[in-house]
Amino acid sequence: MTYEQVVEKIKTRYSSIDASSIEGTQAIQINLTGKNAEGIFYIEVKDGKVNVEPYDYHDNWATVTVAPTNLFKILDGKLDPVLAYTTGKVKISGDIQTVLRFINLAK
């Protein structure tokens, strides 16, 4: 899967989510690793809506570094996010609770 395909798949997945339970603006940046999918994008919740864009988000709450396969395993419920973090499959800097909140939105 290419970087563009990953971003599009994430954008589609989050497009119809009701994020009205999250107040204000929150964002996480995803740093993808891997041979064909290396790149950066962000997931932002603003005014109850989720935006996914292929850019840096400098004022993010957390940065997640992950391979696309592990990202989709986590979002599909096939890989526990805490286990992925503790085993080094995912690296997080910043607010881990915000990352978990964004994962739960996608389920």
PDB file of N, CA and C in Angstrom:
ATOM      1  N   MET A   1       0.845  -1.177   0.000  1.00  0.00           N
ATOM      2  CA  MET A   1       0.000   0.000   0.000  1.00  0.00           C
ATOM      3  C   MET A   1       0.893   1.243   0.000  1.00  0.00           C
ATOM      4  N   THR A   2       0.573   2.206  -0.830  1.00  0.00           N
ATOM      5  CA  THR A   2       1.365   3.429  -0.902  1.00  0.00           C
ATOM      6  C   THR A   2       0.918   4.429   0.171  1.00  0.00           C
ATOM      7  N   TYR A   3       1.712   5.448   0.369  1.00  0.00           N
ATOM      8  CA  TYR A   3       1.387   6.512   1.318  1.00  0.00           C
ATOM      9  C   TYR A   3       0.024   7.125   0.985  1.00  0.00           C
ATOM     10  N   GLU A   4      -0.190   7.440  -0.274  1.00  0.00           N
ATOM     11  CA  GLU A   4      -1.442   8.065  -0.700  1.00  0.00           C
ATOM     12  C   GLU A   4      -2.637   7.156  -0.408  1.00  0.00           C
ATOM     13  N   GLN A   5      -2.480   5.861  -0.629  1.00  0.00           N
ATOM     14  CA  GLN A   5      -3.554   4.912  -0.363  1.00  0.00           C
ATOM     15  C   GLN A   5      -3.859   4.820   1.139  1.00  0.00           C
ATOM     16  N   VAL A   6      -2.824   4.850   1.948  1.00  0.00           N
ATOM     17  CA  VAL A   6      -3.022   4.809   3.407  1.00  0.00           C
ATOM     18  C   VAL A   6      -3.797   6.043   3.862  1.00  0.00           C
ATOM     19  N   VAL A   7      -3.371   7.222   3.427  1.00  0.00           N
ATOM     20  CA  VAL A   7      -4.040   8.460   3.829  1.00  0.00           C
ATOM     21  C   VAL A   7      -5.501   8.440   3.369  1.00  0.00           C
ATOM     22  N   GLU A   8      -5.750   8.009   2.150  1.00  0.00           N
ATOM     23  CA  GLU A   8      -7.115   7.953   1.639  1.00  0.00           C
ATOM     24  C   GLU A   8      -7.973   6.968   2.428  1.00  0.00           C
ATOM     25  N   LYS A   9      -7.412   5.843   2.781  1.00  0.00           N
ATOM     26  CA  LYS A   9      -8.152   4.838   3.557  1.00  0.00           C
ATOM     27  C   LYS A   9      -8.485   5.366   4.956  1.00  0.00           C
ATOM     28  N   ILE A  10      -7.543   6.043   5.577  1.00  0.00           N
ATOM     29  CA  ILE A  10      -7.789   6.641   6.903  1.00  0.00           C
ATOM     30  C   ILE A  10      -8.827   7.761   6.778  1.00  0.00           C
ATOM     31  N   LYS A  11      -8.704   8.573   5.759  1.00  0.00           N
ATOM     32  CA  LYS A  11      -9.662   9.664   5.534  1.00  0.00           C
ATOM     33  C   LYS A  11     -11.077   9.100   5.376  1.00  0.00           C
ATOM     34  N   THR A  12     -11.222   8.048   4.604  1.00  0.00           N
ATOM     35  CA  THR A  12     -12.529   7.408   4.409  1.00  0.00           C
ATOM     36  C   THR A  12     -13.055   6.829   5.711  1.00  0.00           C
ATOM     37  N   ARG A  13     -12.177   6.189   6.452  1.00  0.00           N
ATOM     38  CA  ARG A  13     -12.580   5.552   7.713  1.00  0.00           C
ATOM     39  C   ARG A  13     -13.110   6.578   8.716  1.00  0.00           C
ATOM     40  N   TYR A  14     -12.495   7.738   8.794  1.00  0.00           N
ATOM     41  CA  TYR A  14     -12.883   8.753   9.763  1.00  0.00           C
ATOM     42  C   TYR A  14     -13.934   9.728   9.229  1.00  0.00           C
ATOM     43  N   SER A  15     -14.296   9.661   7.960  1.00  0.00           N
ATOM     44  CA  SER A  15     -15.149  10.673   7.343  1.00  0.00           C
ATOM     45  C   SER A  15     -16.552  10.772   7.939  1.00  0.00           C
ATOM     46  N   SER A  16     -17.127   9.690   8.394  1.00  0.00           N
ATOM     47  CA  SER A  16     -18.501   9.736   8.894  1.00  0.00           C
ATOM     48  C   SER A  16     -18.594   9.612  10.411  1.00  0.00           C
ATOM     49  N   ILE A  17     -17.504   9.815  11.097  1.00  0.00           N
ATOM     50  CA  ILE A  17     -17.479   9.657  12.549  1.00  0.00           C
ATOM     51  C   ILE A  17     -18.016  10.908  13.234  1.00  0.00           C
ATOM     52  N   ASP A  18     -18.851  10.687  14.237  1.00  0.00           N
ATOM     53  CA  ASP A  18     -19.345  11.770  15.076  1.00  0.00           C
ATOM     54  C   ASP A  18     -18.349  11.969  16.223  1.00  0.00           C
ATOM     55  N   ALA A  19     -17.657  13.066  16.199  1.00  0.00           N
ATOM     56  CA  ALA A  19     -16.658  13.346  17.224  1.00  0.00           C
ATOM     57  C   ALA A  19     -17.124  14.469  18.155  1.00  0.00           C
ATOM     58  N   SER A  20     -18.436  14.649  18.265  1.00  0.00           N
ATOM     59  CA  SER A  20     -18.964  15.738  19.090  1.00  0.00           C
ATOM     60  C   SER A  20     -18.643  15.575  20.575  1.00  0.00           C
ATOM     61  N   SER A  21     -18.228  14.376  20.985  1.00  0.00           N
ATOM     62  CA  SER A  21     -17.863  14.153  22.387  1.00  0.00           C
ATOM     63  C   SER A  21     -16.502  14.754  22.737  1.00  0.00           C
ATOM     64  N   ILE A  22     -15.739  15.144  21.727  1.00  0.00           N
ATOM     65  CA  ILE A  22     -14.423  15.738  21.955  1.00  0.00           C
ATOM     66  C   ILE A  22     -14.548  17.253  21.819  1.00  0.00           C
ATOM     67  N   GLU A  23     -14.227  17.940  22.902  1.00  0.00           N
ATOM     68  CA  GLU A  23     -14.362  19.392  22.915  1.00  0.00           C
ATOM     69  C   GLU A  23     -13.142  20.070  22.321  1.00  0.00           C
ATOM     70  N   GLY A  24     -13.371  21.218  21.708  1.00  0.00           N
ATOM     71  CA  GLY A  24     -12.274  22.012  21.172  1.00  0.00           C
ATOM     72  C   GLY A  24     -11.611  21.356  19.972  1.00  0.00           C
ATOM     73  N   THR A  25     -10.335  21.636  19.833  1.00  0.00           N
ATOM     74  CA  THR A  25      -9.554  21.083  18.736  1.00  0.00           C
ATOM     75  C   THR A  25      -8.452  20.211  19.299  1.00  0.00           C
ATOM     76  N   GLN A  26      -8.364  18.997  18.794  1.00  0.00           N
ATOM     77  CA  GLN A  26      -7.296  18.073  19.167  1.00  0.00           C
ATOM     78  C   GLN A  26      -6.765  17.447  17.890  1.00  0.00           C
ATOM     79  N   ALA A  27      -5.481  17.148  17.877  1.00  0.00           N
ATOM     80  CA  ALA A  27      -4.901  16.538  16.683  1.00  0.00           C
ATOM     81  C   ALA A  27      -3.743  15.638  17.056  1.00  0.00           C
ATOM     82  N   ILE A  28      -3.580  14.595  16.246  1.00  0.00           N
ATOM     83  CA  ILE A  28      -2.394  13.752  16.352  1.00  0.00           C
ATOM     84  C   ILE A  28      -1.746  13.683  14.971  1.00  0.00           C
ATOM     85  N   GLN A  29      -0.461  13.596  14.979  1.00  0.00           N
ATOM     86  CA  GLN A  29       0.276  13.435  13.734  1.00  0.00           C
ATOM     87  C   GLN A  29       0.721  11.990  13.626  1.00  0.00           C
ATOM     88  N   ILE A  30       0.578  11.414  12.441  1.00  0.00           N
ATOM     89  CA  ILE A  30       0.995  10.043  12.189  1.00  0.00           C
ATOM     90  C   ILE A  30       2.213  10.081  11.268  1.00  0.00           C
ATOM     91  N   ASN A  31       3.301   9.496  11.728  1.00  0.00           N
ATOM     92  CA  ASN A  31       4.502   9.338  10.912  1.00  0.00           C
ATOM     93  C   ASN A  31       4.534   7.889  10.453  1.00  0.00           C
ATOM     94  N   LEU A  32       4.267   7.670   9.183  1.00  0.00           N
ATOM     95  CA  LEU A  32       4.269   6.311   8.642  1.00  0.00           C
ATOM     96  C   LEU A  32       5.682   5.875   8.311  1.00  0.00           C
ATOM     97  N   THR A  33       5.980   4.644   8.633  1.00  0.00           N
ATOM     98  CA  THR A  33       7.272   4.063   8.279  1.00  0.00           C
ATOM     99  C   THR A  33       7.020   2.903   7.337  1.00  0.00           C
ATOM    100  N   GLY A  34       7.980   2.608   6.529  1.00  0.00           N
ATOM    101  CA  GLY A  34       7.830   1.486   5.619  1.00  0.00           C
ATOM    102  C   GLY A  34       8.343   1.815   4.242  1.00  0.00           C
ATOM    103  N   LYS A  35       8.536   0.789   3.492  1.00  0.00           N
ATOM    104  CA  LYS A  35       9.161   0.897   2.182  1.00  0.00           C
ATOM    105  C   LYS A  35       8.387   1.782   1.206  1.00  0.00           C
ATOM    106  N   ASN A  36       7.101   1.519   1.020  1.00  0.00           N
ATOM    107  CA  ASN A  36       6.320   2.254   0.025  1.00  0.00           C
ATOM    108  C   ASN A  36       5.375   3.290   0.612  1.00  0.00           C
ATOM    109  N   ALA A  37       5.284   3.342   1.919  1.00  0.00           N
ATOM    110  CA  ALA A  37       4.257   4.184   2.530  1.00  0.00           C
ATOM    111  C   ALA A  37       4.813   5.226   3.488  1.00  0.00           C
ATOM    112  N   GLU A  38       6.062   5.550   3.381  1.00  0.00           N
ATOM    113  CA  GLU A  38       6.653   6.514   4.296  1.00  0.00           C
ATOM    114  C   GLU A  38       6.069   7.900   4.039  1.00  0.00           C
ATOM    115  N   GLY A  39       5.673   8.572   5.117  1.00  0.00           N
ATOM    116  CA  GLY A  39       5.112   9.914   4.990  1.00  0.00           C
ATOM    117  C   GLY A  39       4.457  10.348   6.284  1.00  0.00           C
ATOM    118  N   ILE A  40       3.902  11.548   6.251  1.00  0.00           N
ATOM    119  CA  ILE A  40       3.297  12.160   7.432  1.00  0.00           C
ATOM    120  C   ILE A  40       1.884  12.624   7.085  1.00  0.00           C
ATOM    121  N   PHE A  41       0.957  12.404   8.015  1.00  0.00           N
ATOM    122  CA  PHE A  41      -0.368  12.995   7.897  1.00  0.00           C
ATOM    123  C   PHE A  41      -0.904  13.245   9.300  1.00  0.00           C
ATOM    124  N   TYR A  42      -2.011  13.964   9.371  1.00  0.00           N
ATOM    125  CA  TYR A  42      -2.587  14.206  10.692  1.00  0.00           C
ATOM    126  C   TYR A  42      -4.072  13.880  10.702  1.00  0.00           C
ATOM    127  N   ILE A  43      -4.539  13.602  11.913  1.00  0.00           N
ATOM    128  CA  ILE A  43      -5.963  13.413  12.178  1.00  0.00           C
ATOM    129  C   ILE A  43      -6.335  14.487  13.203  1.00  0.00           C
ATOM    130  N   GLU A  44      -7.311  15.318  12.854  1.00  0.00           N
ATOM    131  CA  GLU A  44      -7.714  16.428  13.700  1.00  0.00           C
ATOM    132  C   GLU A  44      -9.207  16.349  13.985  1.00  0.00           C
ATOM    133  N   VAL A  45      -9.572  16.617  15.219  1.00  0.00           N
ATOM    134  CA  VAL A  45     -10.974  16.783  15.572  1.00  0.00           C
ATOM    135  C   VAL A  45     -11.174  18.258  15.883  1.00  0.00           C
ATOM    136  N   LYS A  46     -12.123  18.846  15.158  1.00  0.00           N
ATOM    137  CA  LYS A  46     -12.419  20.264  15.352  1.00  0.00           C
ATOM    138  C   LYS A  46     -13.916  20.460  15.158  1.00  0.00           C
ATOM    139  N   ASP A  47     -14.551  21.057  16.141  1.00  0.00           N
ATOM    140  CA  ASP A  47     -15.993  21.316  16.086  1.00  0.00           C
ATOM    141  C   ASP A  47     -16.798  20.046  15.826  1.00  0.00           C
ATOM    142  N   GLY A  48     -16.377  18.927  16.422  1.00  0.00           N
ATOM    143  CA  GLY A  48     -17.119  17.684  16.306  1.00  0.00           C
ATOM    144  C   GLY A  48     -16.915  16.918  15.011  1.00  0.00           C
ATOM    145  N   LYS A  49     -16.063  17.413  14.150  1.00  0.00           N
ATOM    146  CA  LYS A  49     -15.791  16.749  12.877  1.00  0.00           C
ATOM    147  C   LYS A  49     -14.329  16.315  12.825  1.00  0.00           C
ATOM    148  N   VAL A  50     -14.078  15.245  12.079  1.00  0.00           N
ATOM    149  CA  VAL A  50     -12.722  14.719  11.949  1.00  0.00           C
ATOM    150  C   VAL A  50     -12.175  15.075  10.573  1.00  0.00           C
ATOM    151  N   ASN A  51     -10.967  15.619  10.570  1.00  0.00           N
ATOM    152  CA  ASN A  51     -10.265  15.939   9.327  1.00  0.00           C
ATOM    153  C   ASN A  51      -8.987  15.111   9.272  1.00  0.00           C
ATOM    154  N   VAL A  52      -8.696  14.583   8.105  1.00  0.00           N
ATOM    155  CA  VAL A  52      -7.452  13.854   7.872  1.00  0.00           C
ATOM    156  C   VAL A  52      -6.782  14.510   6.677  1.00  0.00           C
ATOM    157  N   GLU A  53      -5.557  14.978   6.872  1.00  0.00           N
ATOM    158  CA  GLU A  53      -4.850  15.681   5.797  1.00  0.00           C
ATOM    159  C   GLU A  53      -3.395  15.233   5.736  1.00  0.00           C
ATOM    160  N   PRO A  54      -2.817  15.225   4.543  1.00  0.00           N
ATOM    161  CA  PRO A  54      -1.430  14.761   4.363  1.00  0.00           C
ATOM    162  C   PRO A  54      -0.382  15.841   4.627  1.00  0.00           C
ATOM    163  N   TYR A  55      -0.403  16.409   5.810  1.00  0.00           N
ATOM    164  CA  TYR A  55       0.540  17.476   6.152  1.00  0.00           C
ATOM    165  C   TYR A  55       1.047  17.290   7.575  1.00  0.00           C
ATOM    166  N   ASP A  56       2.125  18.023   7.913  1.00  0.00           N
ATOM    167  CA  ASP A  56       2.576  18.121   9.298  1.00  0.00           C
ATOM    168  C   ASP A  56       1.536  18.898  10.096  1.00  0.00           C
ATOM    169  N   TYR A  57       1.418  18.588  11.369  1.00  0.00           N
ATOM    170  CA  TYR A  57       0.558  19.340  12.276  1.00  0.00           C
ATOM    171  C   TYR A  57       1.436  19.709  13.462  1.00  0.00           C
ATOM    172  N   HIS A  58       1.985  20.895  13.435  1.00  0.00           N
ATOM    173  CA  HIS A  58       3.013  21.280  14.404  1.00  0.00           C
ATOM    174  C   HIS A  58       2.489  21.473  15.824  1.00  0.00           C
ATOM    175  N   ASP A  59       1.206  21.776  15.969  1.00  0.00           N
ATOM    176  CA  ASP A  59       0.633  21.996  17.289  1.00  0.00           C
ATOM    177  C   ASP A  59      -0.188  20.782  17.721  1.00  0.00           C
ATOM    178  N   ASN A  60       0.360  19.574  17.481  1.00  0.00           N
ATOM    179  CA  ASN A  60      -0.381  18.348  17.782  1.00  0.00           C
ATOM    180  C   ASN A  60      -0.288  17.996  19.257  1.00  0.00           C
ATOM    181  N   TRP A  61      -1.198  17.127  19.672  1.00  0.00           N
ATOM    182  CA  TRP A  61      -1.215  16.647  21.050  1.00  0.00           C
ATOM    183  C   TRP A  61      -0.304  15.446  21.220  1.00  0.00           C
ATOM    184  N   ALA A  62      -0.073  14.729  20.094  1.00  0.00           N
ATOM    185  CA  ALA A  62       0.791  13.555  20.136  1.00  0.00           C
ATOM    186  C   ALA A  62       1.274  13.235  18.719  1.00  0.00           C
ATOM    187  N   THR A  63       2.411  12.565  18.668  1.00  0.00           N
ATOM    188  CA  THR A  63       2.951  12.077  17.408  1.00  0.00           C
ATOM    189  C   THR A  63       3.089  10.564  17.511  1.00  0.00           C
ATOM    190  N   VAL A  64       2.575   9.871  16.502  1.00  0.00           N
ATOM    191  CA  VAL A  64       2.589   8.412  16.469  1.00  0.00           C
ATOM    192  C   VAL A  64       3.445   7.978  15.287  1.00  0.00           C
ATOM    193  N   THR A  65       4.399   7.106  15.529  1.00  0.00           N
ATOM    194  CA  THR A  65       5.219   6.537  14.464  1.00  0.00           C
ATOM    195  C   THR A  65       4.872   5.065  14.368  1.00  0.00           C
ATOM    196  N   VAL A  66       4.422   4.646  13.171  1.00  0.00           N
ATOM    197  CA  VAL A  66       3.891   3.295  13.006  1.00  0.00           C
ATOM    198  C   VAL A  66       3.957   2.877  11.540  1.00  0.00           C
ATOM    199  N   ALA A  67       4.088   1.585  11.315  1.00  0.00           N
ATOM    200  CA  ALA A  67       3.987   1.024   9.967  1.00  0.00           C
ATOM    201  C   ALA A  67       2.501   0.907   9.611  1.00  0.00           C
ATOM    202  N   PRO A  68       2.143   1.080   8.353  1.00  0.00           N
ATOM    203  CA  PRO A  68       0.735   1.009   7.958  1.00  0.00           C
ATOM    204  C   PRO A  68       0.050  -0.296   8.366  1.00  0.00           C
ATOM    205  N   THR A  69       0.725  -1.423   8.244  1.00  0.00           N
ATOM    206  CA  THR A  69       0.092  -2.697   8.607  1.00  0.00           C
ATOM    207  C   THR A  69      -0.304  -2.709  10.077  1.00  0.00           C
ATOM    208  N   ASN A  70       0.557  -2.212  10.940  1.00  0.00           N
ATOM    209  CA  ASN A  70       0.227  -2.163  12.372  1.00  0.00           C
ATOM    210  C   ASN A  70      -0.864  -1.131  12.660  1.00  0.00           C
ATOM    211  N   LEU A  71      -0.856  -0.026  11.949  1.00  0.00           N
ATOM    212  CA  LEU A  71      -1.897   0.983  12.125  1.00  0.00           C
ATOM    213  C   LEU A  71      -3.269   0.379  11.832  1.00  0.00           C
ATOM    214  N   PHE A  72      -3.395  -0.313  10.720  1.00  0.00           N
ATOM    215  CA  PHE A  72      -4.685  -0.899  10.366  1.00  0.00           C
ATOM    216  C   PHE A  72      -5.059  -2.070  11.278  1.00  0.00           C
ATOM    217  N   LYS A  73      -4.077  -2.819  11.754  1.00  0.00           N
ATOM    218  CA  LYS A  73      -4.375  -3.883  12.721  1.00  0.00           C
ATOM    219  C   LYS A  73      -4.961  -3.288  13.998  1.00  0.00           C
ATOM    220  N   ILE A  74      -4.401  -2.181  14.441  1.00  0.00           N
ATOM    221  CA  ILE A  74      -4.910  -1.514  15.649  1.00  0.00           C
ATOM    222  C   ILE A  74      -6.328  -1.005  15.412  1.00  0.00           C
ATOM    223  N   LEU A  75      -6.553  -0.323  14.300  1.00  0.00           N
ATOM    224  CA  LEU A  75      -7.872   0.234  14.017  1.00  0.00           C
ATOM    225  C   LEU A  75      -8.926  -0.851  13.786  1.00  0.00           C
ATOM    226  N   ASP A  76      -8.499  -2.008  13.298  1.00  0.00           N
ATOM    227  CA  ASP A  76      -9.426  -3.122  13.070  1.00  0.00           C
ATOM    228  C   ASP A  76      -9.619  -3.986  14.301  1.00  0.00           C
ATOM    229  N   GLY A  77      -8.941  -3.657  15.399  1.00  0.00           N
ATOM    230  CA  GLY A  77      -9.084  -4.416  16.635  1.00  0.00           C
ATOM    231  C   GLY A  77      -8.299  -5.714  16.656  1.00  0.00           C
ATOM    232  N   LYS A  78      -7.361  -5.879  15.739  1.00  0.00           N
ATOM    233  CA  LYS A  78      -6.561  -7.104  15.667  1.00  0.00           C
ATOM    234  C   LYS A  78      -5.242  -6.996  16.420  1.00  0.00           C
ATOM    235  N   LEU A  79      -4.907  -5.795  16.842  1.00  0.00           N
ATOM    236  CA  LEU A  79      -3.680  -5.561  17.614  1.00  0.00           C
ATOM    237  C   LEU A  79      -4.017  -4.572  18.722  1.00  0.00           C
ATOM    238  N   ASP A  80      -3.791  -4.978  19.952  1.00  0.00           N
ATOM    239  CA  ASP A  80      -4.044  -4.115  21.101  1.00  0.00           C
ATOM    240  C   ASP A  80      -3.077  -2.934  21.065  1.00  0.00           C
ATOM    241  N   PRO A  81      -3.581  -1.699  21.116  1.00  0.00           N
ATOM    242  CA  PRO A  81      -2.693  -0.537  21.027  1.00  0.00           C
ATOM    243  C   PRO A  81      -1.677  -0.454  22.171  1.00  0.00           C
ATOM    244  N   VAL A  82      -2.065  -0.866  23.356  1.00  0.00           N
ATOM    245  CA  VAL A  82      -1.140  -0.832  24.492  1.00  0.00           C
ATOM    246  C   VAL A  82      -0.017  -1.854  24.282  1.00  0.00           C
ATOM    247  N   LEU A  83      -0.375  -3.045  23.818  1.00  0.00           N
ATOM    248  CA  LEU A  83       0.627  -4.062  23.524  1.00  0.00           C
ATOM    249  C   LEU A  83       1.553  -3.595  22.396  1.00  0.00           C
ATOM    250  N   ALA A  84       0.987  -2.985  21.369  1.00  0.00           N
ATOM    251  CA  ALA A  84       1.788  -2.480  20.254  1.00  0.00           C
ATOM    252  C   ALA A  84       2.791  -1.436  20.751  1.00  0.00           C
ATOM    253  N   TYR A  85       2.356  -0.592  21.671  1.00  0.00           N
ATOM    254  CA  TYR A  85       3.233   0.441  22.231  1.00  0.00           C
ATOM    255  C   TYR A  85       4.332  -0.184  23.096  1.00  0.00           C
ATOM    256  N   THR A  86       3.946  -1.108  23.969  1.00  0.00           N
ATOM    257  CA  THR A  86       4.932  -1.683  24.887  1.00  0.00           C
ATOM    258  C   THR A  86       5.931  -2.594  24.187  1.00  0.00           C
ATOM    259  N   THR A  87       5.553  -3.139  23.031  1.00  0.00           N
ATOM    260  CA  THR A  87       6.476  -4.001  22.291  1.00  0.00           C
ATOM    261  C   THR A  87       7.250  -3.242  21.212  1.00  0.00           C
ATOM    262  N   GLY A  88       7.027  -1.937  21.110  1.00  0.00           N
ATOM    263  CA  GLY A  88       7.790  -1.124  20.169  1.00  0.00           C
ATOM    264  C   GLY A  88       7.261  -1.110  18.749  1.00  0.00           C
ATOM    265  N   LYS A  89       6.088  -1.681  18.512  1.00  0.00           N
ATOM    266  CA  LYS A  89       5.509  -1.645  17.169  1.00  0.00           C
ATOM    267  C   LYS A  89       4.944  -0.270  16.844  1.00  0.00           C
ATOM    268  N   VAL A  90       4.689   0.494  17.888  1.00  0.00           N
ATOM    269  CA  VAL A  90       4.196   1.862  17.764  1.00  0.00           C
ATOM    270  C   VAL A  90       4.996   2.722  18.725  1.00  0.00           C
ATOM    271  N   LYS A  91       5.420   3.879  18.258  1.00  0.00           N
ATOM    272  CA  LYS A  91       6.095   4.838  19.133  1.00  0.00           C
ATOM    273  C   LYS A  91       5.201   6.061  19.251  1.00  0.00           C
ATOM    274  N   ILE A  92       5.051   6.534  20.475  1.00  0.00           N
ATOM    275  CA  ILE A  92       4.193   7.686  20.729  1.00  0.00           C
ATOM    276  C   ILE A  92       4.963   8.701  21.547  1.00  0.00           C
ATOM    277  N   SER A  93       4.930   9.939  21.089  1.00  0.00           N
ATOM    278  CA  SER A  93       5.440  11.032  21.918  1.00  0.00           C
ATOM    279  C   SER A  93       4.276  11.998  22.113  1.00  0.00           C
ATOM    280  N   GLY A  94       4.084  12.416  23.344  1.00  0.00           N
ATOM    281  CA  GLY A  94       2.959  13.291  23.643  1.00  0.00           C
ATOM    282  C   GLY A  94       1.909  12.564  24.463  1.00  0.00           C
ATOM    283  N   ASP A  95       0.674  13.008  24.325  1.00  0.00           N
ATOM    284  CA  ASP A  95      -0.440  12.531  25.142  1.00  0.00           C
ATOM    285  C   ASP A  95      -0.994  11.203  24.624  1.00  0.00           C
ATOM    286  N   ILE A  96      -0.668  10.133  25.297  1.00  0.00           N
ATOM    287  CA  ILE A  96      -1.106   8.795  24.895  1.00  0.00           C
ATOM    288  C   ILE A  96      -2.627   8.673  24.976  1.00  0.00           C
ATOM    289  N   GLN A  97      -3.256   9.320  25.943  1.00  0.00           N
ATOM    290  CA  GLN A  97      -4.714   9.244  26.082  1.00  0.00           C
ATOM    291  C   GLN A  97      -5.426   9.823  24.854  1.00  0.00           C
ATOM    292  N   THR A  98      -4.875  10.865  24.267  1.00  0.00           N
ATOM    293  CA  THR A  98      -5.461  11.425  23.052  1.00  0.00           C
ATOM    294  C   THR A  98      -5.360  10.426  21.904  1.00  0.00           C
ATOM    295  N   VAL A  99      -4.245   9.740  21.799  1.00  0.00           N
ATOM    296  CA  VAL A  99      -4.077   8.721  20.760  1.00  0.00           C
ATOM    297  C   VAL A  99      -5.122   7.623  20.945  1.00  0.00           C
ATOM    298  N   LEU A 100      -5.293   7.149  22.158  1.00  0.00           N
ATOM    299  CA  LEU A 100      -6.293   6.104  22.433  1.00  0.00           C
ATOM    300  C   LEU A 100      -7.701   6.596  22.123  1.00  0.00           C
ATOM    301  N   ARG A 101      -7.982   7.851  22.423  1.00  0.00           N
ATOM    302  CA  ARG A 101      -9.292   8.438  22.117  1.00  0.00           C
ATOM    303  C   ARG A 101      -9.549   8.423  20.612  1.00  0.00           C
ATOM    304  N   PHE A 102      -8.536   8.761  19.817  1.00  0.00           N
ATOM    305  CA  PHE A 102      -8.679   8.778  18.367  1.00  0.00           C
ATOM    306  C   PHE A 102      -8.842   7.357  17.811  1.00  0.00           C
ATOM    307  N   ILE A 103      -8.148   6.391  18.407  1.00  0.00           N
ATOM    308  CA  ILE A 103      -8.310   4.987  17.991  1.00  0.00           C
ATOM    309  C   ILE A 103      -9.736   4.531  18.251  1.00  0.00           C
ATOM    310  N   ASN A 104     -10.261   4.860  19.428  1.00  0.00           N
ATOM    311  CA  ASN A 104     -11.617   4.456  19.791  1.00  0.00           C
ATOM    312  C   ASN A 104     -12.669   5.101  18.900  1.00  0.00           C
ATOM    313  N   LEU A 105     -12.410   6.291  18.388  1.00  0.00           N
ATOM    314  CA  LEU A 105     -13.330   6.926  17.457  1.00  0.00           C
ATOM    315  C   LEU A 105     -13.515   6.087  16.197  1.00  0.00           C
ATOM    316  N   ALA A 106     -12.444   5.440  15.759  1.00  0.00           N
ATOM    317  CA  ALA A 106     -12.459   4.695  14.493  1.00  0.00           C
ATOM    318  C   ALA A 106     -13.081   3.321  14.620  1.00  0.00           C
ATOM    319  N   LYS A 107     -13.347   2.879  15.819  1.00  0.00           N
ATOM    320  CA  LYS A 107     -13.881   1.522  16.006  1.00  0.00           C
ATOM    321  C   LYS A 107     -15.379   1.503  15.896  1.00  0.00           C
TER     322      LYS A 107
END
